[in-house]
C-alpha atoms as a PDB file:
ATOM      1  CA  MET A   1       0.000   0.000   0.000  1.00  0.00           C
ATOM      2  CA  ASN A   2       1.390   3.389  -0.963  1.00  0.00           C
ATOM      3  CA  GLY A   3      -0.621   5.515   1.484  1.00  0.00           C
ATOM      4  CA  LYS A   4      -2.319   7.535  -1.233  1.00  0.00           C
ATOM      5  CA  GLU A   5      -6.102   7.607  -1.481  1.00  0.00           C
ATOM      6  CA  THR A   6      -7.304   6.269  -4.788  1.00  0.00           C
ATOM      7  CA  VAL A   7      -9.659   8.407  -6.833  1.00  0.00           C
ATOM      8  CA  PRO A   8     -13.165   7.080  -6.192  1.00  0.00           C
ATOM      9  CA  ASN A   9     -15.475   6.039  -8.958  1.00  0.00           C
ATOM     10  CA  ALA A  10     -17.889   8.916  -9.610  1.00  0.00           C
ATOM     11  CA  LEU A  11     -20.803   6.495  -9.145  1.00  0.00           C
ATOM     12  CA  GLU A  12     -19.643   5.789  -5.574  1.00  0.00           C
ATOM     13  CA  LEU A  13     -19.930   9.434  -4.520  1.00  0.00           C
ATOM     14  CA  ALA A  14     -22.979  11.262  -3.151  1.00  0.00           C
ATOM     15  CA  TRP A  15     -23.309  14.207  -5.556  1.00  0.00           C
ATOM     16  CA  ILE A  16     -25.056  17.441  -4.550  1.00  0.00           C
ATOM     17  CA  LYS A  17     -26.225  19.821  -7.285  1.00  0.00           C
ATOM     18  CA  SER A  18     -25.596  23.521  -6.796  1.00  0.00           C
ATOM     19  CA  SER A  19     -28.631  25.535  -5.762  1.00  0.00           C
ATOM     20  CA  TYR A  20     -27.601  27.965  -8.523  1.00  0.00           C
ATOM     21  CA  SER A  21     -28.076  25.261 -11.171  1.00  0.00           C
ATOM     22  CA  SER A  22     -31.365  25.444 -13.006  1.00  0.00           C
ATOM     23  CA  GLY A  23     -33.218  23.218 -15.406  1.00  0.00           C
ATOM     24  CA  ALA A  24     -32.968  25.914 -18.073  1.00  0.00           C
ATOM     25  CA  GLY A  25     -29.598  24.678 -19.366  1.00  0.00           C
ATOM     26  CA  GLY A  26     -27.465  27.115 -17.375  1.00  0.00           C
ATOM     27  CA  GLU A  27     -24.251  26.372 -15.569  1.00  0.00           C
ATOM     28  CA  CYS A  28     -24.794  23.136 -13.664  1.00  0.00           C
ATOM     29  CA  VAL A  29     -22.248  22.045 -11.093  1.00  0.00           C
ATOM     30  CA  GLU A  30     -22.325  19.138  -8.666  1.00  0.00           C
ATOM     31  CA  VAL A  31     -19.986  18.491  -5.751  1.00  0.00           C
ATOM     32  CA  ALA A  32     -19.213  15.450  -3.653  1.00  0.00           C
ATOM     33  CA  ALA A  33     -17.213  15.700  -0.439  1.00  0.00           C
ATOM     34  CA  ARG A  34     -14.888  13.102   1.038  1.00  0.00           C
ATOM     35  CA  PRO A  35     -12.571  13.522   4.009  1.00  0.00           C
ATOM     36  CA  GLY A  36     -10.078  16.224   2.991  1.00  0.00           C
ATOM     37  CA  VAL A  37     -11.171  16.487  -0.643  1.00  0.00           C
ATOM     38  CA  VAL A  38     -14.055  17.887  -2.697  1.00  0.00           C
ATOM     39  CA  HIS A  39     -14.884  16.543  -6.153  1.00  0.00           C
ATOM     40  CA  VAL A  40     -16.561  18.836  -8.701  1.00  0.00           C
ATOM     41  CA  ARG A  41     -18.218  17.861 -11.990  1.00  0.00           C
ATOM     42  CA  ASP A  42     -20.470  19.177 -14.734  1.00  0.00           C
ATOM     43  CA  SER A  43     -23.933  17.790 -14.027  1.00  0.00           C
ATOM     44  CA  LYS A  44     -24.927  18.159 -17.688  1.00  0.00           C
ATOM     45  CA  ASP A  45     -22.124  15.830 -18.855  1.00  0.00           C
ATOM     46  CA  THR A  46     -21.078  13.425 -16.102  1.00  0.00           C
ATOM     47  CA  SER A  47     -18.847  11.493 -18.515  1.00  0.00           C
ATOM     48  CA  VAL A  48     -16.303  14.323 -18.354  1.00  0.00           C
ATOM     49  CA  PRO A  49     -13.648  13.727 -15.673  1.00  0.00           C
ATOM     50  CA  MET A  50     -14.300  15.352 -12.312  1.00  0.00           C
ATOM     51  CA  LEU A  51     -12.016  17.937 -10.731  1.00  0.00           C
ATOM     52  CA  SER A  52     -10.710  17.088  -7.260  1.00  0.00           C
ATOM     53  CA  VAL A  53      -9.419  19.769  -4.875  1.00  0.00           C
ATOM     54  CA  GLN A  54      -8.341  19.837  -1.257  1.00  0.00           C
ATOM     55  CA  ALA A  55     -11.148  20.735   1.136  1.00  0.00           C
ATOM     56  CA  GLN A  56      -9.273  23.862   2.307  1.00  0.00           C
ATOM     57  CA  THR A  57      -8.959  25.009  -1.309  1.00  0.00           C
ATOM     58  CA  TRP A  58     -12.685  24.510  -1.874  1.00  0.00           C
ATOM     59  CA  ASP A  59     -13.527  26.453   1.293  1.00  0.00           C
ATOM     60  CA  ALA A  60     -11.309  29.333   0.120  1.00  0.00           C
ATOM     61  CA  PHE A  61     -12.987  29.313  -3.308  1.00  0.00           C
ATOM     62  CA  VAL A  62     -16.481  29.311  -1.807  1.00  0.00           C
ATOM     63  CA  GLY A  63     -15.517  32.191   0.479  1.00  0.00           C
ATOM     64  CA  PHE A  64     -14.001  34.167  -2.407  1.00  0.00           C
ATOM     65  CA  ALA A  65     -17.012  33.528  -4.650  1.00  0.00           C
ATOM     66  CA  GLY A  66     -19.343  34.811  -1.937  1.00  0.00           C
ATOM     67  CA  CYS A  67     -21.337  31.579  -1.810  1.00  0.00           C
ATOM     68  CA  SER A  68     -23.004  30.622   1.423  1.00  0.00           C
ATOM     69  CA  GLY A  69     -22.005  27.383   3.056  1.00  0.00           C
ATOM     70  CA  ALA A  70     -19.305  24.862   2.343  1.00  0.00           C
ATOM     71  CA  VAL A  71     -19.407  21.202   1.565  1.00  0.00           C
END
């Protein structure tokens, strides 16, 4: 074992769609949190690889973007 967490299969994650995403074809983002990491994907095309960032990085982004709440 190398001590590194393997990237989870996207189907194994509990995805949460952004409250800013609408059914009108706008920007649709989903996130899934794991200990220490947040995964982000396009909810309109889930076949595209997800982006994974450290939880602290996500919190900083959410704070900068002025969004309420963190994952």
